[in-house]
Amino acid sequence: MTWDYLVIEERLDQAALTELGQQGWELVAVVSPGHGILHYFFKRALTS
């Protein structure tokens, strides 16, 4: 299986996370490197 990846470097609210989920994105990690910023890492299967 081949994956597509997305990294978002800002705070996301519940509505934004729900929208990404409806688009097929699966949240795999959240990292907080500091300064109040969060990095969200998503993946989804590529369709051929």
N, C-alpha and C. Protein backbone atom coordinates (compact mmCIF):
# COMPACT_ATOMS: atom_id res chain seq x y z
N MET A 1 0.84 -1.17 0.00
CA MET A 1 0.00 0.00 0.00
C MET A 1 0.89 1.24 0.00
N THR A 2 0.47 2.25 -0.74
CA THR A 2 1.21 3.51 -0.82
C THR A 2 0.45 4.57 -0.04
N TRP A 3 1.21 5.42 0.66
CA TRP A 3 0.60 6.42 1.53
C TRP A 3 0.90 7.83 1.06
N ASP A 4 -0.02 8.72 1.35
CA ASP A 4 0.14 10.16 1.17
C ASP A 4 0.27 10.73 2.58
N TYR A 5 1.12 11.72 2.77
CA TYR A 5 1.36 12.29 4.10
C TYR A 5 1.08 13.78 4.11
N LEU A 6 0.66 14.27 5.28
CA LEU A 6 0.35 15.68 5.46
C LEU A 6 0.85 16.10 6.83
N VAL A 7 1.54 17.24 6.90
CA VAL A 7 1.97 17.82 8.18
C VAL A 7 1.38 19.22 8.27
N ILE A 8 0.72 19.49 9.38
CA ILE A 8 0.14 20.81 9.63
C ILE A 8 0.78 21.37 10.88
N GLU A 9 1.29 22.59 10.80
CA GLU A 9 2.02 23.21 11.92
C GLU A 9 1.24 24.38 12.48
N GLU A 10 0.07 24.10 13.03
CA GLU A 10 -0.76 25.11 13.69
C GLU A 10 -1.77 24.37 14.56
N ARG A 11 -2.44 25.09 15.44
CA ARG A 11 -3.45 24.45 16.28
C ARG A 11 -4.71 24.18 15.46
N LEU A 12 -5.24 22.98 15.60
CA LEU A 12 -6.47 22.60 14.90
C LEU A 12 -7.58 22.40 15.92
N ASP A 13 -8.78 22.87 15.59
CA ASP A 13 -9.91 22.63 16.48
C ASP A 13 -10.63 21.35 16.05
N GLN A 14 -11.66 20.98 16.81
CA GLN A 14 -12.39 19.73 16.55
C GLN A 14 -12.98 19.72 15.14
N ALA A 15 -13.52 20.84 14.70
CA ALA A 15 -14.13 20.91 13.37
C ALA A 15 -13.10 20.65 12.27
N ALA A 16 -11.91 21.21 12.41
CA ALA A 16 -10.85 21.00 11.42
C ALA A 16 -10.41 19.54 11.40
N LEU A 17 -10.27 18.93 12.58
CA LEU A 17 -9.88 17.52 12.64
C LEU A 17 -10.95 16.63 12.03
N THR A 18 -12.21 16.95 12.28
CA THR A 18 -13.32 16.18 11.70
C THR A 18 -13.31 16.28 10.18
N GLU A 19 -13.09 17.48 9.66
CA GLU A 19 -13.04 17.68 8.21
C GLU A 19 -11.91 16.87 7.58
N LEU A 20 -10.74 16.89 8.20
CA LEU A 20 -9.62 16.10 7.68
C LEU A 20 -9.95 14.61 7.71
N GLY A 21 -10.59 14.15 8.76
CA GLY A 21 -11.00 12.74 8.84
C GLY A 21 -11.98 12.38 7.74
N GLN A 22 -12.91 13.27 7.43
CA GLN A 22 -13.87 13.02 6.36
C GLN A 22 -13.19 12.98 5.00
N GLN A 23 -12.04 13.63 4.88
CA GLN A 23 -11.27 13.60 3.64
C GLN A 23 -10.37 12.37 3.56
N GLY A 24 -10.42 11.51 4.58
CA GLY A 24 -9.64 10.28 4.56
C GLY A 24 -8.32 10.33 5.30
N TRP A 25 -8.00 11.47 5.93
CA TRP A 25 -6.74 11.60 6.65
C TRP A 25 -6.85 10.95 8.02
N GLU A 26 -5.84 10.19 8.40
CA GLU A 26 -5.74 9.54 9.71
C GLU A 26 -4.63 10.22 10.50
N LEU A 27 -4.96 10.73 11.68
CA LEU A 27 -3.97 11.37 12.53
C LEU A 27 -3.08 10.29 13.14
N VAL A 28 -1.76 10.41 12.94
CA VAL A 28 -0.84 9.39 13.46
C VAL A 28 0.06 9.91 14.57
N ALA A 29 0.24 11.24 14.67
CA ALA A 29 1.08 11.79 15.74
C ALA A 29 0.83 13.28 15.89
N VAL A 30 1.03 13.76 17.12
CA VAL A 30 1.02 15.19 17.41
C VAL A 30 2.28 15.47 18.21
N VAL A 31 3.06 16.45 17.77
CA VAL A 31 4.32 16.81 18.43
C VAL A 31 4.25 18.28 18.81
N SER A 32 4.71 18.60 20.01
CA SER A 32 4.76 19.98 20.48
C SER A 32 6.22 20.38 20.67
N PRO A 33 6.84 21.01 19.63
CA PRO A 33 8.24 21.40 19.75
C PRO A 33 8.45 22.65 20.59
N GLY A 34 7.38 23.29 21.02
CA GLY A 34 7.49 24.48 21.86
C GLY A 34 6.83 25.69 21.24
N HIS A 35 6.82 26.79 21.97
CA HIS A 35 6.28 28.07 21.51
C HIS A 35 4.79 27.99 21.18
N GLY A 36 4.06 27.03 21.77
CA GLY A 36 2.62 26.94 21.58
C GLY A 36 2.17 26.40 20.24
N ILE A 37 3.10 25.96 19.41
CA ILE A 37 2.76 25.40 18.10
C ILE A 37 2.68 23.88 18.21
N LEU A 38 1.71 23.30 17.53
CA LEU A 38 1.59 21.85 17.46
C LEU A 38 1.83 21.41 16.02
N HIS A 39 2.48 20.28 15.86
CA HIS A 39 2.68 19.67 14.54
C HIS A 39 1.83 18.41 14.49
N TYR A 40 0.88 18.37 13.57
CA TYR A 40 0.01 17.22 13.39
C TYR A 40 0.50 16.45 12.16
N PHE A 41 0.65 15.15 12.31
CA PHE A 41 1.11 14.29 11.21
C PHE A 41 -0.04 13.36 10.83
N PHE A 42 -0.41 13.40 9.56
CA PHE A 42 -1.52 12.60 9.04
C PHE A 42 -1.03 11.71 7.90
N LYS A 43 -1.78 10.63 7.66
CA LYS A 43 -1.53 9.79 6.49
C LYS A 43 -2.87 9.34 5.93
N ARG A 44 -2.88 8.98 4.65
CA ARG A 44 -4.04 8.35 4.02
C ARG A 44 -3.54 7.51 2.86
N ALA A 45 -4.27 6.47 2.59
CA ALA A 45 -3.90 5.57 1.50
C ALA A 45 -4.14 6.26 0.16
N LEU A 46 -3.18 6.10 -0.73
CA LEU A 46 -3.33 6.62 -2.09
C LEU A 46 -4.18 5.65 -2.89
N THR A 47 -5.11 6.18 -3.64
CA THR A 47 -5.92 5.33 -4.51
C THR A 47 -5.38 5.43 -5.93
N SER A 48 -5.44 4.33 -6.64
CA SER A 48 -4.91 4.35 -8.01
C SER A 48 -5.99 4.47 -9.04
